[in-house]
PDB file of N, CA and C in Angstrom:
ATOM      1  N   MET A   1     156.508 -75.542  49.226  1.00  0.00           N
ATOM      2  CA  MET A   1     155.633 -75.475  48.067  1.00  0.00           C
ATOM      3  C   MET A   1     155.066 -74.056  47.944  1.00  0.00           C
ATOM      4  N   ILE A   2     154.998 -73.580  46.735  1.00  0.00           N
ATOM      5  CA  ILE A   2     154.491 -72.248  46.457  1.00  0.00           C
ATOM      6  C   ILE A   2     152.964 -72.267  46.594  1.00  0.00           C
ATOM      7  N   LYS A   3     152.433 -71.234  47.214  1.00  0.00           N
ATOM      8  CA  LYS A   3     150.989 -71.125  47.383  1.00  0.00           C
ATOM      9  C   LYS A   3     150.527 -69.779  46.862  1.00  0.00           C
ATOM     10  N   CYS A   4     149.256 -69.750  46.507  1.00  0.00           N
ATOM     11  CA  CYS A   4     148.633 -68.514  46.040  1.00  0.00           C
ATOM     12  C   CYS A   4     147.429 -68.231  46.931  1.00  0.00           C
ATOM     13  N   VAL A   5     147.106 -66.971  47.107  1.00  0.00           N
ATOM     14  CA  VAL A   5     145.945 -66.604  47.920  1.00  0.00           C
ATOM     15  C   VAL A   5     144.651 -67.142  47.319  1.00  0.00           C
ATOM     16  N   SER A   6     144.670 -67.478  46.038  1.00  0.00           N
ATOM     17  CA  SER A   6     143.481 -68.029  45.375  1.00  0.00           C
ATOM     18  C   SER A   6     143.255 -69.500  45.722  1.00  0.00           C
ATOM     19  N   ASN A   7     144.260 -70.121  46.332  1.00  0.00           N
ATOM     20  CA  ASN A   7     144.251 -71.561  46.637  1.00  0.00           C
ATOM     21  C   ASN A   7     144.246 -72.437  45.393  1.00  0.00           C
ATOM     22  N   LYS A   8     144.507 -71.856  44.238  1.00  0.00           N
ATOM     23  CA  LYS A   8     144.623 -72.643  43.017  1.00  0.00           C
ATOM     24  C   LYS A   8     146.028 -73.225  42.929  1.00  0.00           C
ATOM     25  N   LYS A   9     146.146 -74.336  42.209  1.00  0.00           N
ATOM     26  CA  LYS A   9     147.461 -74.933  41.981  1.00  0.00           C
ATOM     27  C   LYS A   9     148.284 -73.965  41.137  1.00  0.00           C
ATOM     28  N   VAL A  10     149.558 -73.841  41.463  1.00  0.00           N
ATOM     29  CA  VAL A  10     150.426 -72.907  40.742  1.00  0.00           C
ATOM     30  C   VAL A  10     151.397 -73.660  39.835  1.00  0.00           C
ATOM     31  N   TYR A  11     151.691 -73.044  38.714  1.00  0.00           N
ATOM     32  CA  TYR A  11     152.660 -73.573  37.758  1.00  0.00           C
ATOM     33  C   TYR A  11     153.683 -72.472  37.495  1.00  0.00           C
ATOM     34  N   PRO A  12     154.971 -72.806  37.518  1.00  0.00           N
ATOM     35  CA  PRO A  12     156.013 -71.779  37.425  1.00  0.00           C
ATOM     36  C   PRO A  12     156.161 -71.110  36.061  1.00  0.00           C
ATOM     37  N   SER A  13     155.651 -71.746  35.001  1.00  0.00           N
ATOM     38  CA  SER A  13     155.759 -71.119  33.676  1.00  0.00           C
ATOM     39  C   SER A  13     154.509 -71.431  32.858  1.00  0.00           C
ATOM     40  N   GLU A  14     154.305 -70.636  31.835  1.00  0.00           N
ATOM     41  CA  GLU A  14     153.150 -70.839  30.958  1.00  0.00           C
ATOM     42  C   GLU A  14     153.253 -72.202  30.265  1.00  0.00           C
ATOM     43  N   GLU A  15     154.446 -72.567  29.829  1.00  0.00           N
ATOM     44  CA  GLU A  15     154.640 -73.839  29.144  1.00  0.00           C
ATOM     45  C   GLU A  15     154.292 -75.023  30.048  1.00  0.00           C
ATOM     46  N   ILE A  16     154.748 -74.986  31.282  1.00  0.00           N
ATOM     47  CA  ILE A  16     154.445 -76.067  32.224  1.00  0.00           C
ATOM     48  C   ILE A  16     152.945 -76.111  32.506  1.00  0.00           C
ATOM     49  N   ALA A  17     152.314 -74.951  32.636  1.00  0.00           N
ATOM     50  CA  ALA A  17     150.868 -74.889  32.873  1.00  0.00           C
ATOM     51  C   ALA A  17     150.099 -75.458  31.684  1.00  0.00           C
ATOM     52  N   GLU A  18     150.537 -75.141  30.467  1.00  0.00           N
ATOM     53  CA  GLU A  18     149.870 -75.673  29.272  1.00  0.00           C
ATOM     54  C   GLU A  18     150.018 -77.188  29.196  1.00  0.00           C
ATOM     55  N   ASP A  19     151.203 -77.702  29.494  1.00  0.00           N
ATOM     56  CA  ASP A  19     151.405 -79.154  29.492  1.00  0.00           C
ATOM     57  C   ASP A  19     150.529 -79.826  30.546  1.00  0.00           C
ATOM     58  N   ALA A  20     150.408 -79.205  31.711  1.00  0.00           N
ATOM     59  CA  ALA A  20     149.557 -79.746  32.773  1.00  0.00           C
ATOM     60  C   ALA A  20     148.087 -79.687  32.367  1.00  0.00           C
ATOM     61  N   LEU A  21     147.694 -78.643  31.659  1.00  0.00           N
ATOM     62  CA  LEU A  21     146.322 -78.516  31.166  1.00  0.00           C
ATOM     63  C   LEU A  21     146.003 -79.660  30.208  1.00  0.00           C
ATOM     64  N   ILE A  22     146.914 -79.939  29.302  1.00  0.00           N
ATOM     65  CA  ILE A  22     146.723 -81.038  28.348  1.00  0.00           C
ATOM     66  C   ILE A  22     146.681 -82.371  29.082  1.00  0.00           C
ATOM     67  N   ASP A  23     147.557 -82.552  30.058  1.00  0.00           N
ATOM     68  CA  ASP A  23     147.555 -83.780  30.845  1.00  0.00           C
ATOM     69  C   ASP A  23     146.232 -83.947  31.593  1.00  0.00           C
ATOM     70  N   THR A  24     145.721 -82.864  32.141  1.00  0.00           N
ATOM     71  CA  THR A  24     144.438 -82.908  32.850  1.00  0.00           C
ATOM     72  C   THR A  24     143.323 -83.329  31.904  1.00  0.00           C
ATOM     73  N   TRP A  25     143.310 -82.763  30.715  1.00  0.00           N
ATOM     74  CA  TRP A  25     142.298 -83.135  29.729  1.00  0.00           C
ATOM     75  C   TRP A  25     142.463 -84.587  29.278  1.00  0.00           C
ATOM     76  N   SER A  26     143.684 -85.098  29.311  1.00  0.00           N
ATOM     77  CA  SER A  26     143.931 -86.491  28.942  1.00  0.00           C
ATOM     78  C   SER A  26     143.399 -87.447  30.004  1.00  0.00           C
ATOM     79  N   ARG A  27     143.365 -87.006  31.238  1.00  0.00           N
ATOM     80  CA  ARG A  27     142.950 -87.873  32.353  1.00  0.00           C
ATOM     81  C   ARG A  27     141.467 -87.766  32.700  1.00  0.00           C
ATOM     82  N   PHE A  28     140.858 -86.634  32.399  1.00  0.00           N
ATOM     83  CA  PHE A  28     139.456 -86.408  32.761  1.00  0.00           C
ATOM     84  C   PHE A  28     138.666 -85.970  31.538  1.00  0.00           C
ATOM     85  N   GLU A  29     137.415 -86.387  31.475  1.00  0.00           N
ATOM     86  CA  GLU A  29     136.533 -85.925  30.402  1.00  0.00           C
ATOM     87  C   GLU A  29     135.571 -84.916  30.990  1.00  0.00           C
ATOM     88  N   TYR A  30     135.618 -83.710  30.467  1.00  0.00           N
ATOM     89  CA  TYR A  30     134.775 -82.638  30.965  1.00  0.00           C
ATOM     90  C   TYR A  30     133.542 -82.485  30.087  1.00  0.00           C
ATOM     91  N   PRO A  31     132.377 -82.266  30.705  1.00  0.00           N
ATOM     92  CA  PRO A  31     131.180 -81.975  29.903  1.00  0.00           C
ATOM     93  C   PRO A  31     131.389 -80.680  29.124  1.00  0.00           C
ATOM     94  N   ASN A  32     130.668 -80.525  28.028  1.00  0.00           N
ATOM     95  CA  ASN A  32     130.788 -79.301  27.222  1.00  0.00           C
ATOM     96  C   ASN A  32     130.579 -78.067  28.089  1.00  0.00           C
ATOM     97  N   GLY A  33     131.470 -77.109  27.922  1.00  0.00           N
ATOM     98  CA  GLY A  33     131.354 -75.851  28.641  1.00  0.00           C
ATOM     99  C   GLY A  33     131.848 -75.894  30.074  1.00  0.00           C
ATOM    100  N   GLN A  34     132.463 -77.004  30.490  1.00  0.00           N
ATOM    101  CA  GLN A  34     132.969 -77.113  31.852  1.00  0.00           C
ATOM    102  C   GLN A  34     134.435 -77.527  31.822  1.00  0.00           C
ATOM    103  N   GLY A  35     135.104 -77.305  32.930  1.00  0.00           N
ATOM    104  CA  GLY A  35     136.507 -77.684  33.040  1.00  0.00           C
ATOM    105  C   GLY A  35     137.431 -76.574  32.587  1.00  0.00           C
ATOM    106  N   PRO A  36     138.715 -76.730  32.874  1.00  0.00           N
ATOM    107  CA  PRO A  36     139.689 -75.705  32.499  1.00  0.00           C
ATOM    108  C   PRO A  36     139.940 -75.713  30.989  1.00  0.00           C
ATOM    109  N   ILE A  37     140.077 -74.525  30.417  1.00  0.00           N
ATOM    110  CA  ILE A  37     140.308 -74.443  28.973  1.00  0.00           C
ATOM    111  C   ILE A  37     141.541 -73.617  28.612  1.00  0.00           C
ATOM    112  N   ALA A  38     142.100 -72.937  29.590  1.00  0.00           N
ATOM    113  CA  ALA A  38     143.235 -72.052  29.303  1.00  0.00           C
ATOM    114  C   ALA A  38     144.056 -71.843  30.577  1.00  0.00           C
ATOM    115  N   VAL A  39     145.165 -71.133  30.420  1.00  0.00           N
ATOM    116  CA  VAL A  39     146.010 -70.772  31.558  1.00  0.00           C
ATOM    117  C   VAL A  39     146.179 -69.259  31.567  1.00  0.00           C
ATOM    118  N   TYR A  40     146.476 -68.733  32.735  1.00  0.00           N
ATOM    119  CA  TYR A  40     146.710 -67.292  32.844  1.00  0.00           C
ATOM    120  C   TYR A  40     147.733 -67.018  33.928  1.00  0.00           C
ATOM    121  N   ARG A  41     148.374 -65.878  33.824  1.00  0.00           N
ATOM    122  CA  ARG A  41     149.332 -65.452  34.839  1.00  0.00           C
ATOM    123  C   ARG A  41     148.581 -64.682  35.920  1.00  0.00           C
ATOM    124  N   CYS A  42     148.728 -65.133  37.135  1.00  0.00           N
ATOM    125  CA  CYS A  42     148.028 -64.553  38.283  1.00  0.00           C
ATOM    126  C   CYS A  42     148.680 -63.238  38.702  1.00  0.00           C
ATOM    127  N   GLU A  43     147.871 -62.220  38.908  1.00  0.00           N
ATOM    128  CA  GLU A  43     148.381 -60.922  39.364  1.00  0.00           C
ATOM    129  C   GLU A  43     148.794 -60.965  40.827  1.00  0.00           C
ATOM    130  N   GLU A  44     148.256 -61.925  41.583  1.00  0.00           N
ATOM    131  CA  GLU A  44     148.556 -62.020  43.014  1.00  0.00           C
ATOM    132  C   GLU A  44     149.909 -62.677  43.278  1.00  0.00           C
ATOM    133  N   CYS A  45     150.157 -63.839  42.634  1.00  0.00           N
ATOM    134  CA  CYS A  45     151.373 -64.606  42.950  1.00  0.00           C
ATOM    135  C   CYS A  45     152.415 -64.579  41.828  1.00  0.00           C
ATOM    136  N   GLY A  46     152.003 -64.200  40.622  1.00  0.00           N
ATOM    137  CA  GLY A  46     152.934 -64.139  39.498  1.00  0.00           C
ATOM    138  C   GLY A  46     153.132 -65.472  38.782  1.00  0.00           C
ATOM    139  N   TYR A  47     152.470 -66.519  39.266  1.00  0.00           N
ATOM    140  CA  TYR A  47     152.568 -67.834  38.624  1.00  0.00           C
ATOM    141  C   TYR A  47     151.335 -68.070  37.765  1.00  0.00           C
ATOM    142  N   TYR A  48     151.267 -69.249  37.170  1.00  0.00           N
ATOM    143  CA  TYR A  48     150.182 -69.558  36.244  1.00  0.00           C
ATOM    144  C   TYR A  48     149.167 -70.499  36.876  1.00  0.00           C
ATOM    145  N   HIS A  49     147.901 -70.310  36.492  1.00  0.00           N
ATOM    146  CA  HIS A  49     146.791 -71.143  36.946  1.00  0.00           C
ATOM    147  C   HIS A  49     145.936 -71.523  35.738  1.00  0.00           C
ATOM    148  N   PHE A  50     145.037 -72.509  35.951  1.00  0.00           N
ATOM    149  CA  PHE A  50     144.030 -72.859  34.948  1.00  0.00           C
ATOM    150  C   PHE A  50     142.842 -71.910  35.091  1.00  0.00           C
ATOM    151  N   THR A  51     142.127 -71.735  33.992  1.00  0.00           N
ATOM    152  CA  THR A  51     140.866 -71.001  34.021  1.00  0.00           C
ATOM    153  C   THR A  51     139.863 -71.687  33.098  1.00  0.00           C
ATOM    154  N   SER A  52     138.595 -71.555  33.442  1.00  0.00           N
ATOM    155  CA  SER A  52     137.533 -72.095  32.594  1.00  0.00           C
ATOM    156  C   SER A  52     136.896 -70.985  31.763  1.00  0.00           C
ATOM    157  N   LYS A  53     137.479 -69.804  31.838  1.00  0.00           N
ATOM    158  CA  LYS A  53     136.942 -68.649  31.100  1.00  0.00           C
ATOM    159  C   LYS A  53     137.837 -68.316  29.910  1.00  0.00           C
ATOM    160  N   GLY A  54     137.257 -67.628  28.946  1.00  0.00           N
ATOM    161  CA  GLY A  54     138.034 -67.184  27.797  1.00  0.00           C
ATOM    162  C   GLY A  54     137.977 -68.177  26.650  1.00  0.00           C
ATOM    163  N   THR A  55     138.999 -68.119  25.813  1.00  0.00           N
ATOM    164  CA  THR A  55     139.047 -68.985  24.646  1.00  0.00           C
ATOM    165  C   THR A  55     139.945 -70.190  24.917  1.00  0.00           C
ATOM    166  N   LEU A  56     139.699 -71.250  24.187  1.00  0.00           N
ATOM    167  CA  LEU A  56     140.448 -72.487  24.337  1.00  0.00           C
ATOM    168  C   LEU A  56     141.928 -72.241  24.038  1.00  0.00           C
ATOM    169  N   ASN A  57     142.785 -72.729  24.918  1.00  0.00           N
ATOM    170  CA  ASN A  57     144.234 -72.603  24.756  1.00  0.00           C
ATOM    171  C   ASN A  57     144.644 -73.176  23.400  1.00  0.00           C
ATOM    172  N   GLN A  58     145.500 -72.475  22.679  1.00  0.00           N
ATOM    173  CA  GLN A  58     145.904 -72.890  21.328  1.00  0.00           C
ATOM    174  C   GLN A  58     146.614 -74.242  21.324  1.00  0.00           C
ATOM    175  N   LYS A  59     147.472 -74.468  22.307  1.00  0.00           N
ATOM    176  CA  LYS A  59     148.204 -75.734  22.387  1.00  0.00           C
ATOM    177  C   LYS A  59     147.230 -76.902  22.627  1.00  0.00           C
ATOM    178  N   LEU A  60     146.257 -76.693  23.517  1.00  0.00           N
ATOM    179  CA  LEU A  60     145.235 -77.706  23.774  1.00  0.00           C
ATOM    180  C   LEU A  60     144.385 -77.930  22.529  1.00  0.00           C
ATOM    181  N   ALA A  61     143.991 -76.865  21.865  1.00  0.00           N
ATOM    182  CA  ALA A  61     143.187 -76.978  20.651  1.00  0.00           C
ATOM    183  C   ALA A  61     143.916 -77.792  19.585  1.00  0.00           C
ATOM    184  N   LYS A  62     145.209 -77.577  19.452  1.00  0.00           N
ATOM    185  CA  LYS A  62     146.007 -78.300  18.464  1.00  0.00           C
ATOM    186  C   LYS A  62     146.055 -79.793  18.794  1.00  0.00           C
ATOM    187  N   VAL A  63     146.237 -80.119  20.071  1.00  0.00           N
ATOM    188  CA  VAL A  63     146.289 -81.517  20.502  1.00  0.00           C
ATOM    189  C   VAL A  63     144.951 -82.208  20.237  1.00  0.00           C
ATOM    190  N   ILE A  64     143.866 -81.477  20.478  1.00  0.00           N
ATOM    191  CA  ILE A  64     142.528 -82.029  20.205  1.00  0.00           C
ATOM    192  C   ILE A  64     142.356 -82.246  18.709  1.00  0.00           C
ATOM    193  N   LYS A  65     142.684 -81.230  17.911  1.00  0.00           N
ATOM    194  CA  LYS A  65     142.499 -81.296  16.455  1.00  0.00           C
ATOM    195  C   LYS A  65     143.316 -82.421  15.826  1.00  0.00           C
ATOM    196  N   GLU A  66     144.530 -82.632  16.313  1.00  0.00           N
ATOM    197  CA  GLU A  66     145.413 -83.660  15.742  1.00  0.00           C
ATOM    198  C   GLU A  66     145.081 -85.067  16.228  1.00  0.00           C
ATOM    199  N   GLY A  67     144.127 -85.190  17.153  1.00  0.00           N
ATOM    200  CA  GLY A  67     143.743 -86.507  17.653  1.00  0.00           C
ATOM    201  C   GLY A  67     144.636 -87.048  18.755  1.00  0.00           C
ATOM    202  N   LYS A  68     145.597 -86.246  19.181  1.00  0.00           N
ATOM    203  CA  LYS A  68     146.521 -86.699  20.231  1.00  0.00           C
ATOM    204  C   LYS A  68     145.822 -86.830  21.575  1.00  0.00           C
ATOM    205  N   LEU A  69     144.856 -85.975  21.839  1.00  0.00           N
ATOM    206  CA  LEU A  69     144.143 -86.041  23.109  1.00  0.00           C
ATOM    207  C   LEU A  69     143.394 -87.366  23.229  1.00  0.00           C
ATOM    208  N   ALA A  70     142.743 -87.771  22.165  1.00  0.00           N
ATOM    209  CA  ALA A  70     142.013 -89.045  22.178  1.00  0.00           C
ATOM    210  C   ALA A  70     142.971 -90.210  22.417  1.00  0.00           C
ATOM    211  N   ARG A  71     144.140 -90.174  21.798  1.00  0.00           N
ATOM    212  CA  ARG A  71     145.134 -91.239  22.009  1.00  0.00           C
ATOM    213  C   ARG A  71     145.650 -91.235  23.446  1.00  0.00           C
ATOM    214  N   ASN A  72     145.880 -90.051  23.989  1.00  0.00           N
ATOM    215  CA  ASN A  72     146.333 -89.944  25.381  1.00  0.00           C
ATOM    216  C   ASN A  72     145.276 -90.486  26.342  1.00  0.00           C
ATOM    217  N   ARG A  73     144.000 -90.190  26.070  1.00  0.00           N
ATOM    218  CA  ARG A  73     142.921 -90.700  26.923  1.00  0.00           C
ATOM    219  C   ARG A  73     142.855 -92.221  26.861  1.00  0.00           C
ATOM    220  N   GLU A  74     143.005 -92.744  25.683  1.00  0.00           N
ATOM    221  CA  GLU A  74     142.987 -94.209  25.525  1.00  0.00           C
ATOM    222  C   GLU A  74     144.156 -94.839  26.286  1.00  0.00           C
ATOM    223  N   ALA A  75     145.327 -94.255  26.189  1.00  0.00           N
ATOM    224  CA  ALA A  75     146.498 -94.762  26.904  1.00  0.00           C
ATOM    225  C   ALA A  75     146.272 -94.705  28.414  1.00  0.00           C
ATOM    226  N   ASN A  76     145.714 -93.607  28.892  1.00  0.00           N
ATOM    227  CA  ASN A  76     145.426 -93.479  30.323  1.00  0.00           C
ATOM    228  C   ASN A  76     144.389 -94.490  30.779  1.00  0.00           C
ATOM    229  N   HIS A  77     143.394 -94.744  29.933  1.00  0.00           N
ATOM    230  CA  HIS A  77     142.367 -95.736  30.246  1.00  0.00           C
ATOM    231  C   HIS A  77     143.002 -97.104  30.464  1.00  0.00           C
ATOM    232  N   TRP A  78     143.857 -97.522  29.544  1.00  0.00           N
ATOM    233  CA  TRP A  78     144.486 -98.836  29.659  1.00  0.00           C
ATOM    234  C   TRP A  78     145.483 -98.890  30.811  1.00  0.00           C
ATOM    235  N   GLU A  79     146.190 -97.802  31.034  1.00  0.00           N
ATOM    236  CA  GLU A  79     147.131 -97.756  32.154  1.00  0.00           C
ATOM    237  C   GLU A  79     146.385 -97.947  33.481  1.00  0.00           C
ATOM    238  N   ASN A  80     145.270 -97.250  33.629  1.00  0.00           N
ATOM    239  CA  ASN A  80     144.470 -97.381  34.858  1.00  0.00           C
ATOM    240  C   ASN A  80     143.874 -98.784  34.987  1.00  0.00           C
ATOM    241  N   LYS A  81     143.447 -99.347  33.882  1.00  0.00           N
ATOM    242  CA  LYS A  81     142.866-100.685  33.891  1.00  0.00           C
ATOM    243  C   LYS A  81     143.906-101.721  34.322  1.00  0.00           C
ATOM    244  N   LEU A  82     145.121-101.587  33.808  1.00  0.00           N
ATOM    245  CA  LEU A  82     146.174-102.544  34.164  1.00  0.00           C
ATOM    246  C   LEU A  82     146.652-102.370  35.595  1.00  0.00           C
ATOM    247  N   LYS A  83     146.592-101.157  36.138  1.00  0.00           N
ATOM    248  CA  LYS A  83     146.992-100.918  37.526  1.00  0.00           C
ATOM    249  C   LYS A  83     146.063-101.627  38.502  1.00  0.00           C
ATOM    250  N   ARG A  84     144.799-101.772  38.125  1.00  0.00           N
ATOM    251  CA  ARG A  84     143.798-102.375  39.019  1.00  0.00           C
ATOM    252  C   ARG A  84     143.973-103.881  39.145  1.00  0.00           C
ATOM    253  N   LYS A  85     144.691-104.488  38.243  1.00  0.00           N
ATOM    254  CA  LYS A  85     144.835-105.958  38.285  1.00  0.00           C
ATOM    255  C   LYS A  85     145.926-106.399  39.206  1.00  0.00           C
TER     256      LYS A  85
END
């Protein structure tokens, strides 16, 4: 497994990191101003990580605006509920 000196999870491409960012937002609800909002290429390892600084990732913003994030959260809620039974 690839590791970074930052100990952050690494993603091999920007696209994969953005998809993981959206998935993370689908699974967890972050209070305003907290949680990861974008991805960046690390100067240390050359891979991508999440960041809570900067502007909201465009792909994530689009998913939020189109209502897809809310649908994904609802799907995850029911999936988790059914797993517990």
